[in-house]
Amino acid sequence: MSRQILRLGALLAALGVAAGAFGAHALRARVDAAGLATFETAVRYQMYHAFALLVVGWQAARAPSRAAWWAAVCFAAGVVLFSGSLYVLVLAGIPWLGAITPLGGVAFLGGWGCLAVAFGRPASPTG
């Protein structure tokens, strides 16, 4: 489980860097300042939670638990719902997608709560 979580965290971080570069270079001339700020918020939260997935993967390697698995699920869902909805909002101009964004925020909060529970588990003797 921990290897898949670590891979997902690394992949989302790489995609976050790519999205940030795309926003800084390709979008600057195509979107207004508010749209650019929204896109940057999506990138920032994606990067925060990509790093959080790396922490979850490390914790899952130390002390595997359902709480760590659920933290990973929540963080991944949060990136899709929060950052994904903001990316589509800016790129496709679909304003109703803004209603989905808070669901991603709730998923992020759930992930942090699950990670707190996972940190309460003792490390395995080999970890």
Protein backbone atom coordinates (compact mmCIF):
# COMPACT_ATOMS: atom_id res chain seq x y z
CA MET A 1 0.00 0.00 0.00
CA SER A 2 2.71 2.51 0.92
CA ARG A 3 4.49 2.23 -2.45
CA GLN A 4 1.31 3.06 -4.37
CA ILE A 5 0.63 6.04 -2.11
CA LEU A 6 4.20 7.30 -2.53
CA ARG A 7 3.94 6.88 -6.31
CA LEU A 8 0.65 8.77 -6.39
CA GLY A 9 2.13 11.60 -4.32
CA ALA A 10 5.13 11.87 -6.62
CA LEU A 11 2.93 11.77 -9.73
CA LEU A 12 0.60 14.48 -8.41
CA ALA A 13 3.61 16.64 -7.48
CA ALA A 14 5.05 16.26 -11.00
CA LEU A 15 1.67 17.13 -12.53
CA GLY A 16 1.44 20.10 -10.16
CA VAL A 17 4.79 21.41 -11.40
CA ALA A 18 3.62 20.96 -14.99
CA ALA A 19 0.30 22.71 -14.26
CA GLY A 20 2.14 25.56 -12.54
CA ALA A 21 4.42 26.03 -15.53
CA PHE A 22 1.43 25.89 -17.88
CA GLY A 23 -0.37 28.51 -15.79
CA ALA A 24 2.66 30.80 -15.60
CA HIS A 25 3.51 30.64 -19.28
CA ALA A 26 0.55 29.58 -21.43
CA LEU A 27 -2.37 30.98 -19.45
CA ARG A 28 -0.98 34.38 -18.54
CA ALA A 29 -1.99 35.86 -21.90
CA ARG A 30 -5.29 33.96 -22.16
CA VAL A 31 -7.03 34.37 -18.79
CA ASP A 32 -7.78 37.37 -16.65
CA ALA A 33 -6.09 37.97 -13.30
CA ALA A 34 -8.91 36.34 -11.33
CA GLY A 35 -8.77 33.21 -13.48
CA LEU A 36 -5.00 33.04 -13.11
CA ALA A 37 -5.30 33.39 -9.32
CA THR A 38 -7.88 30.59 -9.27
CA PHE A 39 -5.59 28.36 -11.35
CA GLU A 40 -2.67 29.11 -9.01
CA THR A 41 -4.84 28.18 -6.00
CA ALA A 42 -5.59 24.83 -7.66
CA VAL A 43 -1.89 24.21 -8.26
CA ARG A 44 -0.95 25.22 -4.72
CA TYR A 45 -3.49 22.89 -3.10
CA GLN A 46 -2.51 20.07 -5.44
CA MET A 47 1.13 20.47 -4.40
CA TYR A 48 0.30 20.66 -0.67
CA HIS A 49 -1.64 17.43 -0.91
CA ALA A 50 0.86 15.68 -3.14
CA PHE A 51 3.37 16.25 -0.32
CA ALA A 52 0.74 15.11 2.18
CA LEU A 53 0.44 11.86 0.21
CA LEU A 54 4.19 11.38 0.54
CA VAL A 55 3.81 11.76 4.31
CA VAL A 56 0.92 9.28 4.28
CA GLY A 57 3.01 6.82 2.28
CA TRP A 58 5.84 7.15 4.79
CA GLN A 59 3.43 6.61 7.68
CA ALA A 60 1.83 3.63 5.93
CA ALA A 61 5.29 2.06 5.54
CA ARG A 62 5.99 2.60 9.27
CA ALA A 63 2.59 1.50 10.58
CA PRO A 64 0.10 0.26 7.98
CA SER A 65 -3.48 1.10 8.91
CA ARG A 66 -6.90 1.74 7.49
CA ALA A 67 -6.58 5.32 8.67
CA ALA A 68 -3.51 5.83 6.45
CA TRP A 69 -5.31 4.25 3.51
CA TRP A 70 -8.34 6.49 4.03
CA ALA A 71 -6.10 9.55 4.35
CA ALA A 72 -4.62 8.71 0.95
CA VAL A 73 -8.08 8.20 -0.57
CA CYS A 74 -9.31 11.50 0.86
CA PHE A 75 -6.26 13.46 -0.30
CA ALA A 76 -6.48 11.99 -3.82
CA ALA A 77 -10.23 12.67 -3.98
CA GLY A 78 -9.60 16.18 -2.71
CA VAL A 79 -7.10 16.88 -5.47
CA VAL A 80 -9.54 15.64 -8.11
CA LEU A 81 -12.53 17.51 -6.69
CA PHE A 82 -10.86 20.71 -5.46
CA SER A 83 -7.99 21.31 -7.85
CA GLY A 84 -9.66 19.49 -10.74
CA SER A 85 -12.83 21.54 -10.53
CA LEU A 86 -10.83 24.78 -10.41
CA TYR A 87 -8.71 23.72 -13.40
CA VAL A 88 -11.83 22.97 -15.45
CA LEU A 89 -13.53 26.15 -14.20
CA VAL A 90 -10.65 28.27 -15.52
CA LEU A 91 -9.84 26.31 -18.69
CA ALA A 92 -13.39 25.56 -19.85
CA GLY A 93 -15.22 28.47 -18.22
CA ILE A 94 -17.88 26.28 -16.62
CA PRO A 95 -18.94 28.34 -13.59
CA TRP A 96 -21.20 25.73 -11.93
CA LEU A 97 -18.12 23.61 -11.27
CA GLY A 98 -17.32 26.01 -8.46
CA ALA A 99 -20.06 24.21 -6.51
CA ILE A 100 -17.97 21.01 -6.53
CA THR A 101 -14.85 22.66 -5.14
CA PRO A 102 -16.00 22.66 -1.46
CA LEU A 103 -16.46 18.87 -1.64
CA GLY A 104 -12.75 18.66 -2.36
CA GLY A 105 -12.08 20.85 0.67
CA VAL A 106 -14.12 18.47 2.81
CA ALA A 107 -12.13 15.53 1.41
CA PHE A 108 -8.89 17.35 2.32
CA LEU A 109 -10.14 17.89 5.87
CA GLY A 110 -11.08 14.21 6.11
CA GLY A 111 -7.62 13.26 4.90
CA TRP A 112 -5.94 15.38 7.57
CA GLY A 113 -8.17 13.85 10.24
CA CYS A 114 -7.38 10.32 9.05
CA LEU A 115 -3.68 11.15 8.99
CA ALA A 116 -3.92 12.35 12.60
CA VAL A 117 -5.46 9.00 13.54
CA ALA A 118 -2.80 7.12 11.55
CA PHE A 119 -0.06 8.98 13.42
CA GLY A 120 -1.53 7.62 16.65
CA ARG A 121 -0.60 4.07 15.63
CA PRO A 122 2.70 2.67 16.88
CA ALA A 123 5.39 1.96 14.30
CA SER A 124 6.02 -1.63 13.33
CA PRO A 125 9.17 -3.20 14.86
CA THR A 126 10.87 -3.19 11.45
CA GLY A 127 9.83 0.38 10.60
